C-alpha cells in the first residue's frame, strides 16, 4: 500500500526517511532525527520536513513532548491497513488539508506571502509556499513572524527558503518567539559582533572569529562584566609579545577579574593607568639607551653601520622571496640565510674585538622576563609589577 499509494508521488528523500525510520521501529530501536540525517547524509531540516509531509499524508503522527518546543516530538507510524479500511485517520487528514487551504485564503496569510515575495524580489513557487506554511505548523509561529524572518534574511542577501528555515529554527531554539524578542536579540548580536571586530582589529587580525574565540570573548563581557574599553586595554598588552593571541588576552583579563576588576592596583594604591604609563615610559627609556649605544658603536666602527644596513637589506629580500612563486625559491632562501649568518658573525667579531659586549647594541630591558610590559608570555602578571612604587614612577618621569 505504501508503494502504490504514497511512495510514487512523494519526494525521494522523504521516502528514504520514512523507510529508514520504519526499519528501526521494526527492530524496536529508537533513533533521533539527528541520527537519521547523519546516516542518510541529509540536512536535519529535510528530515523534519519529511515528517511534516508524512503527517499531512496521515501515515505518521507527531507526539509532542513539549508545548513550548515544537521540534521535540516522537513519531508514531500509522498502520496502513487502517487507512485501507477508511478509519477516522483519513477524516483527520482531510480536515488538516482543508485547514491549510483555508489558511491560504486568509487575509493574514495573503499579506504574509506578499511581503515574502516583495523581500525576495520574485514570485515564490507552490513548493515554497508549502514550506513556508510548514514553518507555521511545525514551529508554532505566526504568519507575521515568518514574513519578518524572510525580510531579515533577504536583507543579509540570503534568499533561499532553506536558509530562512535554519534561522527560524535557531531563533525558536534560543527561546525567541515574538518579533519584539527577535529585534532585541538581533540588536544584541550585532552589537556584540561589532565588539568582536574591534577586538580583532586591535590584535591586527582581519579574519573571522572561531566558535571557541567567540565563547572566550563572551565570557569577558557576560561573566567578568568588563567593558569593551577594558578589553581593548588588555589587548594593548600584546604589543610586547611576538604573536598576539586570544589566550594571552584572556589570561590578562582573568588576572584583572581575580583582583576584583581593579586592573592591578599596587600595594601603594597606584591606578592601572599609572602603572601602564610607567611601563610605557620604561620601554621608551630602554629604546633610547639602545639607540645611544648603537650610535656610539657606529661612530667608533663605521663598518658596523654598513653591516647593519646590509643585514636589513638581505632580511627584507628574504621576506619577499618567502612569499614569492619563484622556481628557485628554496635555493635562494638558503643562500640569503647563509649571507645573513655570515654578516652576524662579522658583527659579533667586530664588537668583541673592539671591547664591546656581544649584545651591546640590543635593547636591554629592566625586566627581561616581561620585556618591561608587566605581562609574561603566559599572559600572567609579572612579579616586577609588585615592585612599582610612586617614587619609582616619579624618578622615571624626571629622566624624560
Protein backbone atom coordinates (compact mmCIF):
# COMPACT_ATOMS: atom_id res chain seq x y z
CA UNK A 1 0.00 0.00 0.00
CA UNK A 2 2.84 2.41 0.80
CA UNK A 3 4.46 1.76 -2.58
CA UNK A 4 1.25 2.08 -4.57
CA UNK A 5 -0.46 4.92 -2.73
CA UNK A 6 2.29 7.09 -1.22
CA UNK A 7 5.80 6.40 -2.47
CA UNK A 8 5.18 7.17 -6.16
CA UNK A 9 4.20 10.80 -5.60
CA UNK A 10 6.48 11.55 -2.62
CA UNK A 11 9.89 13.27 -2.80
CA UNK A 12 12.70 10.70 -2.83
CA UNK A 13 14.38 11.94 0.37
CA UNK A 14 11.07 11.77 2.24
CA UNK A 15 10.69 8.14 1.19
CA UNK A 16 14.20 7.40 2.46
CA UNK A 17 13.41 8.95 5.86
CA UNK A 18 10.15 7.00 6.19
CA UNK A 19 11.62 3.62 5.26
CA UNK A 20 14.81 4.09 7.28
CA UNK A 21 12.91 5.03 10.45
CA UNK A 22 10.34 2.26 9.80
CA UNK A 23 13.19 -0.26 9.73
CA UNK A 24 14.44 0.86 13.16
CA UNK A 25 10.89 0.78 14.50
CA UNK A 26 10.56 -2.81 13.34
CA UNK A 27 13.77 -3.64 15.20
CA UNK A 28 12.48 -1.96 18.34
CA UNK A 29 15.37 0.54 18.34
CA UNK A 30 14.90 4.28 18.93
CA UNK A 31 16.67 6.69 16.58
CA UNK A 32 16.79 10.50 16.64
CA UNK A 33 16.21 12.88 13.75
CA UNK A 34 19.86 13.92 14.03
CA UNK A 35 20.95 10.29 13.61
CA UNK A 36 18.64 9.84 10.62
CA UNK A 37 20.09 12.95 8.97
CA UNK A 38 23.62 11.73 9.58
CA UNK A 39 23.00 8.20 8.35
CA UNK A 40 21.22 9.38 5.19
CA UNK A 41 23.62 12.30 4.54
CA UNK A 42 20.75 14.77 4.70
CA UNK A 43 20.18 18.12 6.38
CA UNK A 44 18.21 17.94 9.62
CA UNK A 45 15.73 20.44 8.14
CA UNK A 46 14.90 17.98 5.36
CA UNK A 47 14.26 15.21 7.87
CA UNK A 48 11.85 17.48 9.77
CA UNK A 49 10.13 18.41 6.51
CA UNK A 50 9.75 14.71 5.70
CA UNK A 51 7.87 14.08 8.93
CA UNK A 52 5.66 17.10 8.29
CA UNK A 53 4.90 15.73 4.82
CA UNK A 54 4.05 12.24 6.07
CA UNK A 55 1.96 13.71 8.87
CA UNK A 56 -0.11 15.57 6.26
CA UNK A 57 -0.44 12.30 4.34
CA UNK A 58 -1.84 10.79 7.52
CA UNK A 59 0.56 7.87 7.82
CA UNK A 60 2.52 9.11 10.87
CA UNK A 61 1.60 11.10 13.96
CA UNK A 62 3.81 13.60 15.81
CA UNK A 63 3.58 13.02 19.56
CA UNK A 64 4.63 16.36 21.08
CA UNK A 65 6.94 16.19 24.09
CA UNK A 66 6.62 19.85 24.99
CA UNK A 67 4.14 22.58 24.12
CA UNK A 68 6.95 25.13 24.26
CA UNK A 69 9.23 23.39 21.76
CA UNK A 70 7.59 22.23 18.51
CA UNK A 71 10.82 20.47 17.47
CA UNK A 72 10.64 17.99 20.33
CA UNK A 73 8.35 15.14 19.33
CA UNK A 74 8.20 11.38 18.83
CA UNK A 75 6.99 9.83 15.59
CA UNK A 76 4.29 7.17 15.64
CA UNK A 77 3.66 5.16 12.47
CA UNK A 78 0.02 4.69 11.47
CA UNK A 79 -0.96 1.15 10.43
CA UNK A 80 -1.62 1.39 6.72
CA UNK A 81 -4.25 -1.32 6.83
CA UNK A 82 -6.32 1.06 8.98
CA UNK A 83 -6.00 3.59 6.20
CA UNK A 84 -7.14 0.95 3.71
CA UNK A 85 -10.40 0.41 5.58
CA UNK A 86 -11.16 4.12 5.82
CA UNK A 87 -10.53 4.71 9.53
CA UNK A 88 -11.07 8.05 11.22
CA UNK A 89 -7.48 9.00 10.43
CA UNK A 90 -8.47 9.70 6.81
CA UNK A 91 -11.01 12.20 8.02
CA UNK A 92 -8.36 13.87 10.14
CA UNK A 93 -6.08 14.22 7.16
CA UNK A 94 -8.83 15.70 5.04
CA UNK A 95 -9.63 18.20 7.77
CA UNK A 96 -5.97 19.12 8.06
CA UNK A 97 -5.64 19.68 4.33
CA UNK A 98 -8.78 21.74 4.32
CA UNK A 99 -7.39 23.83 7.17
CA UNK A 100 -4.29 24.68 5.13
CA UNK A 101 -6.39 25.64 2.15
CA UNK A 102 -8.41 27.92 4.42
CA UNK A 103 -5.19 29.44 5.69
CA UNK A 104 -4.18 30.27 2.11
CA UNK A 105 -7.41 32.19 1.67
CA UNK A 106 -6.98 34.16 4.92
CA UNK A 107 -6.00 37.82 4.52
CA UNK A 108 -3.20 37.48 7.09
CA UNK A 109 -1.61 34.73 5.02
CA UNK A 110 -2.05 36.63 1.76
CA UNK A 111 -0.27 39.63 3.30
CA UNK A 112 2.49 37.32 4.53
CA UNK A 113 3.15 35.95 1.04
CA UNK A 114 3.01 39.45 -0.47
CA UNK A 115 5.72 40.59 1.99
CA UNK A 116 7.80 37.48 1.28
CA UNK A 117 7.63 37.96 -2.48
CA UNK A 118 8.50 41.65 -2.12
CA UNK A 119 11.52 40.77 0.06
CA UNK A 120 12.72 38.08 -2.36
CA UNK A 121 12.01 40.22 -5.41
CA UNK A 122 10.20 37.41 -7.21
CA UNK A 123 7.08 35.25 -7.21
CA UNK A 124 7.52 32.20 -5.00
CA UNK A 125 6.61 28.71 -6.19
CA UNK A 126 3.87 26.47 -4.85
CA UNK A 127 6.51 24.25 -3.24
CA UNK A 128 7.99 27.24 -1.43
CA UNK A 129 4.52 28.27 -0.26
CA UNK A 130 4.08 24.82 1.23
CA UNK A 131 7.41 25.05 3.02
CA UNK A 132 6.52 28.46 4.47
CA UNK A 133 3.22 27.06 5.74
CA UNK A 134 5.13 24.12 7.25
CA UNK A 135 7.20 26.61 9.31
CA UNK A 136 3.99 27.93 10.83
CA UNK A 137 2.69 24.46 11.61
CA UNK A 138 5.98 22.92 12.78
CA UNK A 139 7.36 25.82 14.82
CA UNK A 140 4.08 27.30 16.01
CA UNK A 141 4.86 30.78 14.69
CA UNK A 142 2.58 33.49 13.36
CA UNK A 143 2.50 34.47 9.64
CA UNK A 144 3.96 37.88 10.53
CA UNK A 145 6.91 36.10 12.19
CA UNK A 146 7.59 34.08 9.02
CA UNK A 147 7.45 37.21 6.84
CA UNK A 148 9.79 39.05 9.20
CA UNK A 149 12.29 36.16 9.05
CA UNK A 150 12.33 36.24 5.24
CA UNK A 151 12.76 40.03 5.22
CA UNK A 152 15.62 39.79 7.72
CA UNK A 153 17.45 37.10 5.72
CA UNK A 154 16.86 38.90 2.42
CA UNK A 155 18.45 41.99 3.96
CA UNK A 156 21.55 39.86 4.55
CA UNK A 157 21.49 38.72 0.90
CA UNK A 158 20.31 35.23 1.94
CA UNK A 159 17.19 34.43 -0.04
CA UNK A 160 16.84 30.64 -0.01
CA UNK A 161 13.95 29.06 1.85
CA UNK A 162 16.30 26.53 3.46
CA UNK A 163 18.45 29.32 4.93
CA UNK A 164 15.40 31.15 6.30
CA UNK A 165 14.13 27.99 7.96
CA UNK A 166 17.51 27.41 9.62
CA UNK A 167 17.39 30.96 11.02
CA UNK A 168 13.84 30.46 12.34
CA UNK A 169 14.82 27.15 13.94
CA UNK A 170 17.76 28.84 15.66
CA UNK A 171 15.55 31.67 16.94
CA UNK A 172 12.98 29.22 18.30
CA UNK A 173 15.67 27.06 19.95
CA UNK A 174 17.00 30.21 21.65
CA UNK A 175 13.53 30.84 23.07
CA UNK A 176 12.62 33.84 20.87
CA UNK A 177 9.03 33.58 19.68
CA UNK A 178 7.93 37.18 19.16
CA UNK A 179 9.18 39.78 16.71
CA UNK A 180 9.99 42.10 19.60
CA UNK A 181 12.20 39.42 21.14
CA UNK A 182 13.90 38.82 17.80
CA UNK A 183 14.60 42.52 17.26
CA UNK A 184 16.22 42.74 20.71
CA UNK A 185 18.17 39.55 20.04
CA UNK A 186 19.40 40.76 16.64
CA UNK A 187 20.42 44.12 18.13
CA UNK A 188 22.41 42.41 20.87
CA UNK A 189 24.08 40.05 18.38
CA UNK A 190 25.05 42.89 16.04
CA UNK A 191 26.39 44.97 18.94
CA UNK A 192 28.42 42.04 20.20
CA UNK A 193 29.71 41.30 16.68
CA UNK A 194 30.89 44.92 16.46
CA UNK A 195 32.82 44.37 19.71
CA UNK A 196 34.40 41.21 18.28
CA UNK A 197 35.55 43.17 15.21
CA UNK A 198 37.10 45.93 17.38
CA UNK A 199 38.96 43.32 19.43
CA UNK A 200 40.30 41.57 16.35
CA UNK A 201 41.36 44.84 14.73
CA UNK A 202 43.23 45.79 17.89
CA UNK A 203 45.13 42.49 17.61
CA UNK A 204 45.89 43.14 13.94
CA UNK A 205 43.58 40.41 12.62
CA UNK A 206 41.20 40.64 9.66
CA UNK A 207 39.83 37.08 9.77
CA UNK A 208 36.56 35.94 11.34
CA UNK A 209 36.50 34.53 14.85
CA UNK A 210 36.09 30.85 15.65
CA UNK A 211 33.35 29.49 17.92
CA UNK A 212 35.89 28.93 20.70
CA UNK A 213 37.21 32.51 20.40
CA UNK A 214 33.62 33.77 20.47
CA UNK A 215 32.98 31.77 23.65
CA UNK A 216 36.07 33.23 25.31
CA UNK A 217 35.21 36.81 24.32
CA UNK A 218 31.61 36.39 25.51
CA UNK A 219 32.97 35.35 28.89
CA UNK A 220 34.86 38.64 29.19
CA UNK A 221 31.62 40.58 28.82
CA UNK A 222 28.99 38.26 30.32
CA UNK A 223 30.89 36.64 33.21
CA UNK A 224 33.58 39.15 34.14
CA UNK A 225 31.45 42.16 33.23
CA UNK A 226 34.28 44.05 31.52
CA UNK A 227 33.51 46.92 29.15
CA UNK A 228 34.85 46.98 25.60
CA UNK A 229 37.30 49.72 26.63
CA UNK A 230 38.76 47.48 29.34
CA UNK A 231 39.03 44.55 26.92
CA UNK A 232 40.81 46.75 24.37
CA UNK A 233 43.18 47.90 27.13
CA UNK A 234 44.02 44.23 27.75
CA UNK A 235 44.53 43.71 24.01
CA UNK A 236 47.03 46.56 24.11
CA UNK A 237 49.20 44.43 26.41
CA UNK A 238 50.02 42.20 23.43
CA UNK A 239 52.27 44.90 21.95
CA UNK A 240 55.14 43.42 23.92
CA UNK A 241 54.83 39.87 22.56
CA UNK A 242 55.70 38.49 19.13
CA UNK A 243 52.46 36.60 18.40
CA UNK A 244 49.30 38.16 19.88
CA UNK A 245 46.59 35.61 20.69
CA UNK A 246 43.23 35.37 22.41
CA UNK A 247 44.54 33.14 25.21
CA UNK A 248 47.12 35.77 26.16
CA UNK A 249 44.44 38.46 26.41
CA UNK A 250 42.25 36.02 28.34
CA UNK A 251 44.99 35.49 30.91
CA UNK A 252 45.32 39.25 31.38
CA UNK A 253 41.57 39.68 31.91
CA UNK A 254 41.36 36.66 34.20
CA UNK A 255 44.11 38.23 36.30
CA UNK A 256 42.23 41.53 36.45
CA UNK A 257 38.98 39.77 37.32
CA UNK A 258 40.72 37.89 40.15
CA UNK A 259 41.84 41.26 41.53
CA UNK A 260 38.27 42.49 41.64
CA UNK A 261 38.37 44.27 38.31
CA UNK A 262 40.84 46.86 39.65
CA UNK A 263 43.12 46.16 36.67
CA UNK A 264 46.04 45.83 39.02
CA UNK A 265 46.24 48.44 41.73
CA UNK A 266 49.55 48.00 43.54
CA UNK A 267 50.06 47.94 47.24
CA UNK A 268 50.75 51.67 47.10
CA UNK A 269 47.35 52.49 45.62
CA UNK A 270 48.57 53.13 42.07
CA UNK A 271 45.89 53.00 39.39
CA UNK A 272 46.06 50.73 36.38
CA UNK A 273 46.59 53.70 34.05
CA UNK A 274 49.52 54.96 36.15
CA UNK A 275 51.17 51.55 36.06
CA UNK A 276 50.59 51.22 32.31
CA UNK A 277 52.17 54.65 31.79
CA UNK A 278 55.14 53.59 33.90
CA UNK A 279 55.82 50.56 31.70
CA UNK A 280 55.42 52.64 28.54
CA UNK A 281 57.95 55.21 29.81
CA UNK A 282 60.27 52.39 30.82
CA UNK A 283 60.22 50.85 27.33
CA UNK A 284 60.85 54.26 25.76
CA UNK A 285 63.88 54.68 28.04
CA UNK A 286 65.16 51.22 27.07
CA UNK A 287 64.87 52.07 23.36
CA UNK A 288 66.61 55.46 23.78
CA UNK A 289 69.53 53.87 25.60
CA UNK A 290 69.87 51.18 22.92
CA UNK A 291 69.82 53.88 20.22
CA UNK A 292 72.54 55.78 22.09
CA UNK A 293 74.76 52.69 22.35
CA UNK A 294 74.19 51.90 18.68
CA UNK A 295 75.24 55.45 17.69
CA UNK A 296 78.37 55.09 19.85
CA UNK A 297 79.35 51.88 18.04
CA UNK A 298 78.68 53.42 14.61
CA UNK A 299 80.88 56.37 15.47
CA UNK A 300 83.80 54.17 16.52
CA UNK A 301 83.20 51.44 13.94
CA UNK A 302 81.70 52.83 10.69
CA UNK A 303 81.91 49.35 9.20
CA UNK A 304 79.27 48.21 11.71
CA UNK A 305 76.70 50.62 10.18
CA UNK A 306 77.42 49.18 6.74
CA UNK A 307 76.97 45.63 8.04
CA UNK A 308 73.70 46.55 9.77
CA UNK A 309 72.35 48.15 6.59
CA UNK A 310 73.34 45.14 4.50
CA UNK A 311 71.76 42.76 7.02
CA UNK A 312 68.49 44.76 6.93
CA UNK A 313 68.55 44.75 3.12
CA UNK A 314 69.04 40.98 2.97
CA UNK A 315 66.32 40.46 5.57
CA UNK A 316 63.82 42.47 3.52
CA UNK A 317 64.82 40.49 0.43
CA UNK A 318 64.32 37.23 2.30
CA UNK A 319 60.77 38.26 3.28
CA UNK A 320 59.91 38.99 -0.35
CA UNK A 321 61.31 35.66 -1.53
CA UNK A 322 59.36 33.71 1.11
CA UNK A 323 56.01 34.95 -0.26
CA UNK A 324 57.04 34.73 -3.93
CA UNK A 325 56.37 31.98 -6.50
CA UNK A 326 59.94 31.75 -7.81
CA UNK A 327 61.05 28.38 -9.16
CA UNK A 328 64.38 28.66 -7.31
CA UNK A 329 62.70 29.83 -4.12
CA UNK A 330 64.19 27.19 -1.82
CA UNK A 331 67.75 27.65 -3.06
CA UNK A 332 67.51 31.46 -2.92
CA UNK A 333 66.20 31.42 0.65
CA UNK A 334 69.03 29.18 1.75
CA UNK A 335 71.61 31.43 0.06
CA UNK A 336 70.20 34.59 1.71
CA UNK A 337 70.17 32.92 5.13
CA UNK A 338 73.82 31.96 4.74
CA UNK A 339 74.69 35.57 3.83
CA UNK A 340 72.77 36.89 6.86
CA UNK A 341 74.52 34.42 9.17
CA UNK A 342 77.88 35.47 7.74
CA UNK A 343 77.13 39.14 8.44
CA UNK A 344 76.01 38.29 12.00
CA UNK A 345 79.33 36.52 12.56
CA UNK A 346 81.24 39.52 11.22
CA UNK A 347 79.31 41.86 13.54
CA UNK A 348 79.96 39.66 16.56
CA UNK A 349 83.70 39.52 15.79
CA UNK A 350 83.86 43.30 15.20
CA UNK A 351 82.13 44.08 18.53
CA UNK A 352 84.09 41.71 20.75
CA UNK A 353 87.41 42.51 19.01
CA UNK A 354 86.89 46.18 19.89
CA UNK A 355 85.98 45.69 23.54
CA UNK A 356 82.14 45.74 23.24
CA UNK A 357 79.84 43.12 24.68
CA UNK A 358 78.09 40.94 22.12
CA UNK A 359 74.63 42.39 22.96
CA UNK A 360 75.86 45.96 23.44
CA UNK A 361 73.58 47.40 20.73
CA UNK A 362 70.50 45.38 21.75
CA UNK A 363 67.60 46.76 23.80
CA UNK A 364 68.26 45.87 27.44
CA UNK A 365 65.07 45.67 29.44
CA UNK A 366 64.99 46.35 33.15
CA UNK A 367 62.89 43.19 33.49
CA UNK A 368 63.91 40.64 30.83
CA UNK A 369 61.08 38.29 31.84
CA UNK A 370 58.26 40.57 30.65
CA UNK A 371 60.36 42.93 28.49
CA UNK A 372 59.03 45.83 30.57
CA UNK A 373 55.38 45.22 29.69
CA UNK A 374 54.27 43.93 33.10
CA UNK A 375 52.82 40.80 31.45
CA UNK A 376 54.61 37.47 30.99
CA UNK A 377 54.41 35.40 27.80
CA UNK A 378 51.78 33.25 29.53
CA UNK A 379 49.55 36.30 29.92
CA UNK A 380 50.03 36.39 33.69
CA UNK A 381 51.15 39.48 35.58
CA UNK A 382 54.92 39.71 36.02
CA UNK A 383 56.30 39.76 39.60
CA UNK A 384 58.05 43.05 38.78
CA UNK A 385 54.62 44.67 38.95
CA UNK A 386 54.72 44.42 42.75
CA UNK A 387 57.95 46.44 42.87
CA UNK A 388 56.44 49.56 41.31
CA UNK A 389 56.09 52.49 43.70
CA UNK A 390 55.08 56.15 43.30
CA UNK A 391 58.73 57.04 43.93
CA UNK A 392 59.94 54.85 41.05
CA UNK A 393 57.39 56.43 38.73
CA UNK A 394 58.42 59.95 39.68
CA UNK A 395 62.11 59.09 39.24
CA UNK A 396 61.43 57.69 35.78
CA UNK A 397 59.39 60.73 34.78
CA UNK A 398 62.30 63.01 35.70
CA UNK A 399 64.53 61.22 33.19
CA UNK A 400 62.16 62.10 30.35
